Amino acid sequence: MTSDRALVVPGLLPLAEDELAAIVRVPDEHLRRAARICRFDPAEVDPAKGSDGLSSTVHEALLAVALIRRLAEEPTGWKAFGGLSAGCLTALLFAGAISEETCFTLIRETNTRQIEANAARRSGTFLAVLPSSEGDAYRLVDALRAHDPQPWLSVDLGAGVIAISITGTDTEAIRRVLTRLGVSVLDVLERAEHCPYAAPGRAAFAELLAGVEFLPTTAAVISPSTGERVDDTPEAYREMVTEQWFDTANLPLLIDGLRSVPGVTAVDLVGPARSFVVTRVRDLVAGRVGHRHLAAPNPVDRNGRNLHEDSR
């Protein structure tokens, strides 16, 4: 039975030691499928290193396993889904547009190609930043044009929390520039994301998506780039995935789009308990719709027994 709720699936958020341990200690069909398709051995995952010790391929696959398990516990479904960044693929899975096999295959292919492309030639730099005010988030991109040929607003989480991509690779130099502009740098990735020069490029990305089988969905899917409902066609889903790879991912637009789906009265989020996206979603729906955080992964003991208590 479908409820009157919509669900936000976040991007590739960090997983702490206890969260990784909870995922790899349960050798179920989802973990086995992820390991087989994404070509890793769960026994070789060292939870003590957290997600920083994982390749992006394994990190994304393990997060997807945690989200799949968590939603399987819920007695009802959702009327609409929206994924931010890497969450686009799991959102499509939960909406019924792709199979679990396809989801893990796309995780493997997109991340493997990105890693290979950036090893050959680094695409740029991705920085999560906090400007001094919300308006400064957009002025910042313009200000950076004096220091980089093509600065890009990559992710907008609202309230001034954004990520930008630049073509340059001198991380310390851009840190100094941002410090002079009064901007706090929260995180840095040595690759460009959600921008026209993200790797792999458009031709490789089109090749990757060309053979994907998209199925009719059981719920609405909202684009994280436009906030609009995506047509239930293979072409439209390919366009959505491509668009968010090469352009801005926008959480406020995604939330507004989910809330505008007829019949939706509340918005939920599924993801790691320590996620800063939890706070951002709560802020964006405050006073308008109810919100639940479905914490994933579930905590388990050393024998793999579920110790989950839902965070509401």
C-alpha atoms as a PDB file:
ATOM      1  CA  MET A   1       0.000   0.000   0.000  1.00  0.00           C
ATOM      2  CA  THR A   2       1.294   3.444  -0.922  1.00  0.00           C
ATOM      3  CA  SER A   3       1.196   6.154   1.730  1.00  0.00           C
ATOM      4  CA  ASP A   4       0.802   9.920   1.346  1.00  0.00           C
ATOM      5  CA  ARG A   5       4.518  10.471   1.906  1.00  0.00           C
ATOM      6  CA  ALA A   6       7.463  11.256  -0.359  1.00  0.00           C
ATOM      7  CA  LEU A   7      11.067  10.168   0.181  1.00  0.00           C
ATOM      8  CA  VAL A   8      14.401  11.941  -0.284  1.00  0.00           C
ATOM      9  CA  VAL A   9      17.425   9.735  -0.989  1.00  0.00           C
ATOM     10  CA  PRO A  10      20.690  11.590  -0.249  1.00  0.00           C
ATOM     11  CA  GLY A  11      23.972  11.380  -2.090  1.00  0.00           C
ATOM     12  CA  LEU A  12      27.224   9.669  -1.174  1.00  0.00           C
ATOM     13  CA  LEU A  13      27.341  10.577   2.519  1.00  0.00           C
ATOM     14  CA  PRO A  14      30.142   9.449   4.869  1.00  0.00           C
ATOM     15  CA  LEU A  15      29.739   6.183   6.751  1.00  0.00           C
ATOM     16  CA  ALA A  16      31.293   5.860  10.199  1.00  0.00           C
ATOM     17  CA  GLU A  17      32.953   2.754  11.619  1.00  0.00           C
ATOM     18  CA  ASP A  18      29.832   1.444  13.371  1.00  0.00           C
ATOM     19  CA  GLU A  19      27.706   2.047  10.273  1.00  0.00           C
ATOM     20  CA  LEU A  20      30.085   0.178   7.987  1.00  0.00           C
ATOM     21  CA  ALA A  21      30.308  -2.665  10.482  1.00  0.00           C
ATOM     22  CA  ALA A  22      26.507  -2.879  10.554  1.00  0.00           C
ATOM     23  CA  ILE A  23      26.411  -3.218   6.763  1.00  0.00           C
ATOM     24  CA  VAL A  24      29.125  -5.826   6.218  1.00  0.00           C
ATOM     25  CA  ARG A  25      28.182  -8.023   9.194  1.00  0.00           C
ATOM     26  CA  VAL A  26      24.894  -9.053   7.573  1.00  0.00           C
ATOM     27  CA  PRO A  27      25.682 -11.350   4.589  1.00  0.00           C
ATOM     28  CA  ASP A  28      22.266 -11.102   2.957  1.00  0.00           C
ATOM     29  CA  GLU A  29      21.317 -11.247  -0.729  1.00  0.00           C
ATOM     30  CA  HIS A  30      21.695  -7.483  -1.156  1.00  0.00           C
ATOM     31  CA  LEU A  31      25.280  -7.437   0.101  1.00  0.00           C
ATOM     32  CA  ARG A  32      26.164 -10.510  -1.960  1.00  0.00           C
ATOM     33  CA  ARG A  33      24.673  -8.928  -5.080  1.00  0.00           C
ATOM     34  CA  ALA A  34      26.506  -5.640  -4.496  1.00  0.00           C
ATOM     35  CA  ALA A  35      29.804  -7.453  -3.925  1.00  0.00           C
ATOM     36  CA  ARG A  36      29.413  -9.608  -7.030  1.00  0.00           C
ATOM     37  CA  ILE A  37      28.462  -6.784  -9.377  1.00  0.00           C
ATOM     38  CA  CYS A  38      30.749  -4.084  -7.947  1.00  0.00           C
ATOM     39  CA  ARG A  39      33.607  -6.598  -7.580  1.00  0.00           C
ATOM     40  CA  PHE A  40      34.693  -6.329  -3.977  1.00  0.00           C
ATOM     41  CA  ASP A  41      34.966  -8.652  -0.993  1.00  0.00           C
ATOM     42  CA  PRO A  42      32.967  -7.508   2.076  1.00  0.00           C
ATOM     43  CA  ALA A  43      35.398  -9.437   4.275  1.00  0.00           C
ATOM     44  CA  GLU A  44      38.173  -7.079   3.150  1.00  0.00           C
ATOM     45  CA  VAL A  45      36.274  -3.926   4.159  1.00  0.00           C
ATOM     46  CA  ASP A  46      37.895  -2.404   7.254  1.00  0.00           C
ATOM     47  CA  PRO A  47      35.179  -0.520   9.166  1.00  0.00           C
ATOM     48  CA  ALA A  48      37.796   1.193  11.341  1.00  0.00           C
ATOM     49  CA  LYS A  49      38.815   3.355   8.375  1.00  0.00           C
ATOM     50  CA  GLY A  50      35.257   4.555   7.753  1.00  0.00           C
ATOM     51  CA  SER A  51      34.191   5.375   4.232  1.00  0.00           C
ATOM     52  CA  ASP A  52      37.435   7.319   3.693  1.00  0.00           C
ATOM     53  CA  GLY A  53      39.120   3.932   3.324  1.00  0.00           C
ATOM     54  CA  LEU A  54      36.823   2.859   0.477  1.00  0.00           C
ATOM     55  CA  SER A  55      36.790   3.562  -3.229  1.00  0.00           C
ATOM     56  CA  SER A  56      33.731   5.549  -4.294  1.00  0.00           C
ATOM     57  CA  THR A  57      32.428   2.395  -6.029  1.00  0.00           C
ATOM     58  CA  VAL A  58      32.415   0.323  -2.825  1.00  0.00           C
ATOM     59  CA  HIS A  59      31.250   3.261  -0.687  1.00  0.00           C
ATOM     60  CA  GLU A  60      28.216   3.897  -2.900  1.00  0.00           C
ATOM     61  CA  ALA A  61      27.399   0.191  -3.165  1.00  0.00           C
ATOM     62  CA  LEU A  62      27.469  -0.313   0.606  1.00  0.00           C
ATOM     63  CA  LEU A  63      25.344   2.776   1.220  1.00  0.00           C
ATOM     64  CA  ALA A  64      22.810   1.474  -1.309  1.00  0.00           C
ATOM     65  CA  VAL A  65      22.699  -1.864   0.527  1.00  0.00           C
ATOM     66  CA  ALA A  66      21.950  -0.045   3.787  1.00  0.00           C
ATOM     67  CA  LEU A  67      19.162   2.016   2.221  1.00  0.00           C
ATOM     68  CA  ILE A  68      17.576  -1.006   0.525  1.00  0.00           C
ATOM     69  CA  ARG A  69      17.519  -2.900   3.810  1.00  0.00           C
ATOM     70  CA  ARG A  70      16.052   0.024   5.724  1.00  0.00           C
ATOM     71  CA  LEU A  71      13.169   0.636   3.333  1.00  0.00           C
ATOM     72  CA  ALA A  72      12.334  -3.077   3.317  1.00  0.00           C
ATOM     73  CA  GLU A  73      11.316  -2.660   6.980  1.00  0.00           C
ATOM     74  CA  GLU A  74       8.641  -0.067   6.242  1.00  0.00           C
ATOM     75  CA  PRO A  75       5.069  -1.408   5.988  1.00  0.00           C
ATOM     76  CA  THR A  76       4.003   1.025   3.247  1.00  0.00           C
ATOM     77  CA  GLY A  77       5.537   2.577   0.169  1.00  0.00           C
ATOM     78  CA  TRP A  78       5.925   6.199  -0.949  1.00  0.00           C
ATOM     79  CA  LYS A  79       3.996   8.243  -3.462  1.00  0.00           C
ATOM     80  CA  ALA A  80       7.085  10.020  -4.819  1.00  0.00           C
ATOM     81  CA  PHE A  81      10.878   9.673  -4.732  1.00  0.00           C
ATOM     82  CA  GLY A  82      13.747  12.047  -5.319  1.00  0.00           C
ATOM     83  CA  GLY A  83      17.461  11.375  -5.135  1.00  0.00           C
ATOM     84  CA  LEU A  84      20.240  13.880  -4.684  1.00  0.00           C
ATOM     85  CA  SER A  85      23.473  13.180  -6.578  1.00  0.00           C
ATOM     86  CA  ALA A  86      24.364   9.484  -6.121  1.00  0.00           C
ATOM     87  CA  GLY A  87      20.938   9.004  -4.548  1.00  0.00           C
ATOM     88  CA  CYS A  88      19.369   9.344  -8.005  1.00  0.00           C
ATOM     89  CA  LEU A  89      20.100   5.691  -8.750  1.00  0.00           C
ATOM     90  CA  THR A  90      18.628   4.332  -5.524  1.00  0.00           C
ATOM     91  CA  ALA A  91      15.629   6.652  -5.931  1.00  0.00           C
ATOM     92  CA  LEU A  92      15.015   5.115  -9.364  1.00  0.00           C
ATOM     93  CA  LEU A  93      15.332   1.659  -7.801  1.00  0.00           C
ATOM     94  CA  PHE A  94      12.818   2.455  -5.050  1.00  0.00           C
ATOM     95  CA  ALA A  95      10.377   3.906  -7.594  1.00  0.00           C
ATOM     96  CA  GLY A  96      10.601   0.702  -9.646  1.00  0.00           C
ATOM     97  CA  ALA A  97      12.304   2.284 -12.674  1.00  0.00           C
ATOM     98  CA  ILE A  98      15.355   0.011 -12.485  1.00  0.00           C
ATOM     99  CA  SER A  99      16.122  -3.365 -10.934  1.00  0.00           C
ATOM    100  CA  GLU A 100      18.546  -3.887  -8.058  1.00  0.00           C
ATOM    101  CA  GLU A 101      20.916  -5.608 -10.490  1.00  0.00           C
ATOM    102  CA  THR A 102      20.822  -2.542 -12.759  1.00  0.00           C
ATOM    103  CA  CYS A 103      21.294  -0.190  -9.816  1.00  0.00           C
ATOM    104  CA  PHE A 104      24.521  -1.884  -8.723  1.00  0.00           C
ATOM    105  CA  THR A 105      25.713  -2.168 -12.331  1.00  0.00           C
ATOM    106  CA  LEU A 106      25.286   1.591 -12.793  1.00  0.00           C
ATOM    107  CA  ILE A 107      27.069   2.245  -9.496  1.00  0.00           C
ATOM    108  CA  ARG A 108      29.993   0.138 -10.705  1.00  0.00           C
ATOM    109  CA  GLU A 109      30.142   1.651 -14.171  1.00  0.00           C
ATOM    110  CA  THR A 110      29.752   5.334 -13.243  1.00  0.00           C
ATOM    111  CA  ASN A 111      32.248   5.215 -10.397  1.00  0.00           C
ATOM    112  CA  THR A 112      34.766   3.002 -12.198  1.00  0.00           C
ATOM    113  CA  ARG A 113      34.708   5.264 -15.241  1.00  0.00           C
ATOM    114  CA  GLN A 114      35.016   8.363 -13.075  1.00  0.00           C
ATOM    115  CA  ILE A 115      38.012   6.908 -11.228  1.00  0.00           C
ATOM    116  CA  GLU A 116      39.695   5.893 -14.499  1.00  0.00           C
ATOM    117  CA  ALA A 117      39.024   9.250 -16.160  1.00  0.00           C
ATOM    118  CA  ASN A 118      40.399  11.233 -13.231  1.00  0.00           C
ATOM    119  CA  ALA A 119      43.441   8.987 -12.959  1.00  0.00           C
ATOM    120  CA  ALA A 120      44.262   9.790 -16.570  1.00  0.00           C
ATOM    121  CA  ARG A 121      43.511  13.508 -16.252  1.00  0.00           C
ATOM    122  CA  ARG A 122      42.038  15.081 -13.140  1.00  0.00           C
ATOM    123  CA  SER A 123      38.801  16.849 -14.072  1.00  0.00           C
ATOM    124  CA  GLY A 124      39.096  19.593 -11.451  1.00  0.00           C
ATOM    125  CA  THR A 125      38.198  20.151  -7.795  1.00  0.00           C
ATOM    126  CA  PHE A 126      34.918  19.879  -5.884  1.00  0.00           C
ATOM    127  CA  LEU A 127      34.559  21.902  -2.677  1.00  0.00           C
ATOM    128  CA  ALA A 128      31.734  21.908  -0.144  1.00  0.00           C
ATOM    129  CA  VAL A 129      31.645  25.421   1.296  1.00  0.00           C
ATOM    130  CA  LEU A 130      29.698  27.667   3.649  1.00  0.00           C
ATOM    131  CA  PRO A 131      29.598  31.315   2.555  1.00  0.00           C
ATOM    132  CA  SER A 132      28.796  34.024   5.086  1.00  0.00           C
ATOM    133  CA  SER A 133      25.209  34.362   3.864  1.00  0.00           C
ATOM    134  CA  GLU A 134      22.787  32.629   1.518  1.00  0.00           C
ATOM    135  CA  GLY A 135      23.039  35.357  -1.102  1.00  0.00           C
ATOM    136  CA  ASP A 136      26.808  35.058  -1.057  1.00  0.00           C
ATOM    137  CA  ALA A 137      26.506  31.474  -2.302  1.00  0.00           C
ATOM    138  CA  TYR A 138      25.626  32.742  -5.775  1.00  0.00           C
ATOM    139  CA  ARG A 139      27.876  35.798  -5.725  1.00  0.00           C
ATOM    140  CA  LEU A 140      30.751  33.510  -4.780  1.00  0.00           C
ATOM    141  CA  VAL A 141      30.591  31.658  -8.094  1.00  0.00           C
ATOM    142  CA  ASP A 142      30.850  34.966  -9.951  1.00  0.00           C
ATOM    143  CA  ALA A 143      33.747  36.092  -7.744  1.00  0.00           C
ATOM    144  CA  LEU A 144      35.681  32.917  -8.506  1.00  0.00           C
ATOM    145  CA  ARG A 145      35.691  33.698 -12.230  1.00  0.00           C
ATOM    146  CA  ALA A 146      38.731  35.884 -11.557  1.00  0.00           C
ATOM    147  CA  HIS A 147      40.597  32.761 -10.395  1.00  0.00           C
ATOM    148  CA  ASP A 148      39.188  29.928 -12.555  1.00  0.00           C
ATOM    149  CA  PRO A 149      37.863  29.746 -16.132  1.00  0.00           C
ATOM    150  CA  GLN A 150      34.629  27.969 -15.219  1.00  0.00           C
ATOM    151  CA  PRO A 151      33.516  27.879 -11.571  1.00  0.00           C
ATOM    152  CA  TRP A 152      30.221  26.026 -11.213  1.00  0.00           C
ATOM    153  CA  LEU A 153      27.528  25.853  -8.536  1.00  0.00           C
ATOM    154  CA  SER A 154      27.483  22.061  -8.212  1.00  0.00           C
ATOM    155  CA  VAL A 155      25.180  21.399  -5.254  1.00  0.00           C
ATOM    156  CA  ASP A 156      22.752  23.710  -3.461  1.00  0.00           C
ATOM    157  CA  LEU A 157      21.497  22.421  -0.099  1.00  0.00           C
ATOM    158  CA  GLY A 158      19.814  25.698   0.807  1.00  0.00           C
ATOM    159  CA  ALA A 159      20.628  28.208   3.569  1.00  0.00           C
ATOM    160  CA  GLY A 160      23.933  28.988   1.856  1.00  0.00           C
ATOM    161  CA  VAL A 161      25.380  25.478   2.122  1.00  0.00           C
ATOM    162  CA  ILE A 162      26.690  24.696  -1.344  1.00  0.00           C
ATOM    163  CA  ALA A 163      29.366  22.852  -3.267  1.00  0.00           C
ATOM    164  CA  ILE A 164      31.286  24.354  -6.150  1.00  0.00           C
ATOM    165  CA  SER A 165      33.437  22.798  -8.850  1.00  0.00           C
ATOM    166  CA  ILE A 166      36.391  24.457 -10.502  1.00  0.00           C
ATOM    167  CA  THR A 167      38.616  23.330 -13.358  1.00  0.00           C
ATOM    168  CA  GLY A 168      41.766  24.041 -11.337  1.00  0.00           C
ATOM    169  CA  THR A 169      43.580  21.411  -9.288  1.00  0.00           C
ATOM    170  CA  ASP A 170      45.651  23.577  -6.908  1.00  0.00           C
ATOM    171  CA  THR A 171      43.560  22.941  -3.809  1.00  0.00           C
ATOM    172  CA  GLU A 172      45.633  25.078  -1.442  1.00  0.00           C
ATOM    173  CA  ALA A 173      45.552  28.074  -3.781  1.00  0.00           C
ATOM    174  CA  ILE A 174      41.744  27.980  -4.026  1.00  0.00           C
ATOM    175  CA  ARG A 175      41.497  27.534  -0.240  1.00  0.00           C
ATOM    176  CA  ARG A 176      43.462  30.770   0.198  1.00  0.00           C
ATOM    177  CA  VAL A 177      41.165  32.550  -2.236  1.00  0.00           C
ATOM    178  CA  LEU A 178      38.055  31.308  -0.446  1.00  0.00           C
ATOM    179  CA  THR A 179      39.457  32.290   2.945  1.00  0.00           C
ATOM    180  CA  ARG A 180      40.015  35.840   1.676  1.00  0.00           C
ATOM    181  CA  LEU A 181      36.377  35.860   0.531  1.00  0.00           C
ATOM    182  CA  GLY A 182      35.202  34.861   4.018  1.00  0.00           C
ATOM    183  CA  VAL A 183      34.167  31.350   3.001  1.00  0.00           C
ATOM    184  CA  SER A 184      34.549  28.229   5.163  1.00  0.00           C
ATOM    185  CA  VAL A 185      35.670  25.094   3.283  1.00  0.00           C
ATOM    186  CA  LEU A 186      33.862  22.035   4.668  1.00  0.00           C
ATOM    187  CA  ASP A 187      35.226  19.329   2.372  1.00  0.00           C
ATOM    188  CA  VAL A 188      37.365  18.896  -0.752  1.00  0.00           C
ATOM    189  CA  LEU A 189      37.309  16.188  -3.420  1.00  0.00           C
ATOM    190  CA  GLU A 190      40.031  15.923  -6.040  1.00  0.00           C
ATOM    191  CA  ARG A 191      37.563  15.682  -8.903  1.00  0.00           C
ATOM    192  CA  ALA A 192      34.829  17.870 -10.359  1.00  0.00           C
ATOM    193  CA  GLU A 193      31.190  16.898  -9.786  1.00  0.00           C
ATOM    194  CA  HIS A 194      27.807  18.119 -11.066  1.00  0.00           C
ATOM    195  CA  CYS A 195      29.283  20.420 -13.679  1.00  0.00           C
ATOM    196  CA  PRO A 196      29.805  20.427 -17.472  1.00  0.00           C
ATOM    197  CA  TYR A 197      33.361  19.090 -17.140  1.00  0.00           C
ATOM    198  CA  ALA A 198      32.562  16.193 -14.786  1.00  0.00           C
ATOM    199  CA  ALA A 199      34.116  12.852 -15.734  1.00  0.00           C
ATOM    200  CA  PRO A 200      33.248  10.617 -17.460  1.00  0.00           C
ATOM    201  CA  GLY A 201      32.177  12.962 -20.225  1.00  0.00           C
ATOM    202  CA  ARG A 202      28.864  13.085 -22.045  1.00  0.00           C
ATOM    203  CA  ALA A 203      29.763  10.575 -24.751  1.00  0.00           C
ATOM    204  CA  ALA A 204      30.876   7.960 -22.220  1.00  0.00           C
ATOM    205  CA  PHE A 205      27.871   8.690 -20.026  1.00  0.00           C
ATOM    206  CA  ALA A 206      25.473   8.339 -22.952  1.00  0.00           C
ATOM    207  CA  GLU A 207      27.074   5.017 -23.862  1.00  0.00           C
ATOM    208  CA  LEU A 208      26.692   3.849 -20.271  1.00  0.00           C
ATOM    209  CA  LEU A 209      22.972   4.672 -20.108  1.00  0.00           C
ATOM    210  CA  ALA A 210      22.072   3.538 -23.639  1.00  0.00           C
ATOM    211  CA  GLY A 211      21.717  -0.123 -22.729  1.00  0.00           C
ATOM    212  CA  VAL A 212      19.901   0.358 -19.425  1.00  0.00           C
ATOM    213  CA  GLU A 213      16.411  -1.098 -19.167  1.00  0.00           C
ATOM    214  CA  PHE A 214      14.032   1.356 -17.513  1.00  0.00           C
ATOM    215  CA  LEU A 215      10.690   0.020 -16.285  1.00  0.00           C
ATOM    216  CA  PRO A 216       7.343   1.733 -15.655  1.00  0.00           C
ATOM    217  CA  THR A 217       7.429   3.171 -12.128  1.00  0.00           C
ATOM    218  CA  THR A 218       5.108   2.621  -9.193  1.00  0.00           C
ATOM    219  CA  ALA A 219       5.569   6.218  -7.952  1.00  0.00           C
ATOM    220  CA  ALA A 220       6.486   9.692  -9.165  1.00  0.00           C
ATOM    221  CA  VAL A 221      10.169  10.541  -9.655  1.00  0.00           C
ATOM    222  CA  ILE A 222      11.333  14.143  -9.148  1.00  0.00           C
ATOM    223  CA  SER A 223      14.442  15.573 -10.806  1.00  0.00           C
ATOM    224  CA  PRO A 224      17.057  17.009  -8.401  1.00  0.00           C
ATOM    225  CA  SER A 225      18.067  19.509 -11.081  1.00  0.00           C
ATOM    226  CA  THR A 226      14.688  21.022 -11.961  1.00  0.00           C
ATOM    227  CA  GLY A 227      12.317  19.982  -9.175  1.00  0.00           C
ATOM    228  CA  GLU A 228       9.926  18.773 -11.863  1.00  0.00           C
ATOM    229  CA  ARG A 229       8.291  15.374 -12.175  1.00  0.00           C
ATOM    230  CA  VAL A 230      10.125  13.174 -14.673  1.00  0.00           C
ATOM    231  CA  ASP A 231       8.094  11.624 -17.471  1.00  0.00           C
ATOM    232  CA  ASP A 232       7.773   7.875 -17.015  1.00  0.00           C
ATOM    233  CA  THR A 233       9.833   6.977 -20.086  1.00  0.00           C
ATOM    234  CA  PRO A 234      13.341   5.551 -20.563  1.00  0.00           C
ATOM    235  CA  GLU A 235      14.399   8.678 -22.454  1.00  0.00           C
ATOM    236  CA  ALA A 236      13.297  10.975 -19.635  1.00  0.00           C
ATOM    237  CA  TYR A 237      15.089   8.933 -16.967  1.00  0.00           C
ATOM    238  CA  ARG A 238      18.283   8.908 -19.029  1.00  0.00           C
ATOM    239  CA  GLU A 239      18.005  12.687 -19.407  1.00  0.00           C
ATOM    240  CA  MET A 240      17.460  13.174 -15.654  1.00  0.00           C
ATOM    241  CA  VAL A 241      20.471  11.077 -14.659  1.00  0.00           C
ATOM    242  CA  THR A 242      22.655  12.823 -17.247  1.00  0.00           C
ATOM    243  CA  GLU A 243      21.401  16.300 -16.341  1.00  0.00           C
ATOM    244  CA  GLN A 244      22.203  15.961 -12.659  1.00  0.00           C
ATOM    245  CA  TRP A 245      25.666  14.553 -13.464  1.00  0.00           C
ATOM    246  CA  PHE A 246      26.581  17.631 -15.526  1.00  0.00           C
ATOM    247  CA  ASP A 247      24.593  20.375 -13.784  1.00  0.00           C
ATOM    248  CA  THR A 248      23.559  21.607 -10.335  1.00  0.00           C
ATOM    249  CA  ALA A 249      21.870  19.249  -7.883  1.00  0.00           C
ATOM    250  CA  ASN A 250      19.392  21.301  -5.845  1.00  0.00           C
ATOM    251  CA  LEU A 251      17.864  20.070  -2.569  1.00  0.00           C
ATOM    252  CA  PRO A 252      15.350  22.939  -2.109  1.00  0.00           C
ATOM    253  CA  LEU A 253      13.989  22.370  -5.634  1.00  0.00           C
ATOM    254  CA  LEU A 254      13.817  18.621  -4.979  1.00  0.00           C
ATOM    255  CA  ILE A 255      11.862  19.097  -1.740  1.00  0.00           C
ATOM    256  CA  ASP A 256       9.449  21.553  -3.383  1.00  0.00           C
ATOM    257  CA  GLY A 257       8.942  19.136  -6.280  1.00  0.00           C
ATOM    258  CA  LEU A 258       8.153  16.244  -3.943  1.00  0.00           C
ATOM    259  CA  ARG A 259       5.692  18.362  -1.974  1.00  0.00           C
ATOM    260  CA  SER A 260       3.901  19.394  -5.166  1.00  0.00           C
ATOM    261  CA  VAL A 261       3.026  15.803  -6.149  1.00  0.00           C
ATOM    262  CA  PRO A 262      -0.758  15.392  -5.722  1.00  0.00           C
ATOM    263  CA  GLY A 263      -1.570  13.553  -2.520  1.00  0.00           C
ATOM    264  CA  VAL A 264       1.823  14.060  -0.847  1.00  0.00           C
ATOM    265  CA  THR A 265       1.435  15.503   2.654  1.00  0.00           C
ATOM    266  CA  ALA A 266       4.782  14.598   4.243  1.00  0.00           C
ATOM    267  CA  VAL A 267       8.431  14.140   3.292  1.00  0.00           C
ATOM    268  CA  ASP A 268      10.828  11.536   4.702  1.00  0.00           C
ATOM    269  CA  LEU A 269      14.589  11.103   4.407  1.00  0.00           C
ATOM    270  CA  VAL A 270      16.517   7.834   4.462  1.00  0.00           C
ATOM    271  CA  GLY A 271      20.233   7.935   5.173  1.00  0.00           C
ATOM    272  CA  PRO A 272      23.070   7.770   7.710  1.00  0.00           C
ATOM    273  CA  ALA A 273      22.179   8.996  11.194  1.00  0.00           C
ATOM    274  CA  ARG A 274      25.008  11.545  11.293  1.00  0.00           C
ATOM    275  CA  SER A 275      24.089  13.142   7.968  1.00  0.00           C
ATOM    276  CA  PHE A 276      24.004  16.946   7.833  1.00  0.00           C
ATOM    277  CA  VAL A 277      21.343  16.491   5.135  1.00  0.00           C
ATOM    278  CA  VAL A 278      18.961  15.447   7.924  1.00  0.00           C
ATOM    279  CA  THR A 279      19.134  18.974   9.320  1.00  0.00           C
ATOM    280  CA  ARG A 280      18.742  20.578   5.914  1.00  0.00           C
ATOM    281  CA  VAL A 281      15.652  18.508   5.038  1.00  0.00           C
ATOM    282  CA  ARG A 282      14.080  19.253   8.413  1.00  0.00           C
ATOM    283  CA  ASP A 283      14.687  22.971   7.883  1.00  0.00           C
ATOM    284  CA  LEU A 284      13.187  22.885   4.393  1.00  0.00           C
ATOM    285  CA  VAL A 285       9.979  21.143   5.517  1.00  0.00           C
ATOM    286  CA  ALA A 286       9.639  22.869   8.904  1.00  0.00           C
ATOM    287  CA  GLY A 287       6.107  24.065   9.586  1.00  0.00           C
ATOM    288  CA  ARG A 288       4.812  22.706   6.287  1.00  0.00           C
ATOM    289  CA  VAL A 289       4.890  18.922   6.303  1.00  0.00           C
ATOM    290  CA  GLY A 290       5.839  16.169   8.726  1.00  0.00           C
ATOM    291  CA  HIS A 291       9.292  14.662   8.508  1.00  0.00           C
ATOM    292  CA  ARG A 292      10.744  11.295   9.455  1.00  0.00           C
ATOM    293  CA  HIS A 293      14.377  10.324   9.317  1.00  0.00           C
ATOM    294  CA  LEU A 294      14.729   6.631   8.552  1.00  0.00           C
ATOM    295  CA  ALA A 295      18.226   6.082   9.894  1.00  0.00           C
ATOM    296  CA  ALA A 296      20.316   3.656   7.845  1.00  0.00           C
ATOM    297  CA  PRO A 297      22.168   1.436   8.272  1.00  0.00           C
ATOM    298  CA  ASN A 298      20.511  -0.281  11.194  1.00  0.00           C
ATOM    299  CA  PRO A 299      22.847  -0.980  14.121  1.00  0.00           C
ATOM    300  CA  VAL A 300      23.587  -4.667  14.650  1.00  0.00           C
ATOM    301  CA  ASP A 301      25.539  -6.642  17.228  1.00  0.00           C
ATOM    302  CA  ARG A 302      28.574  -8.767  16.373  1.00  0.00           C
ATOM    303  CA  ASN A 303      26.298 -11.678  15.462  1.00  0.00           C
ATOM    304  CA  GLY A 304      24.404  -9.561  12.932  1.00  0.00           C
ATOM    305  CA  ARG A 305      21.277  -9.210  15.069  1.00  0.00           C
ATOM    306  CA  ASN A 306      19.260  -6.054  14.389  1.00  0.00           C
ATOM    307  CA  LEU A 307      19.404  -3.450  17.178  1.00  0.00           C
ATOM    308  CA  HIS A 308      17.547  -0.777  15.185  1.00  0.00           C
ATOM    309  CA  GLU A 309      15.472   1.900  16.818  1.00  0.00           C
ATOM    310  CA  ASP A 310      13.930   4.359  14.390  1.00  0.00           C
ATOM    311  CA  SER A 311      14.881   8.045  14.749  1.00  0.00           C
ATOM    312  CA  ARG A 312      11.774  10.231  14.325  1.00  0.00           C
END
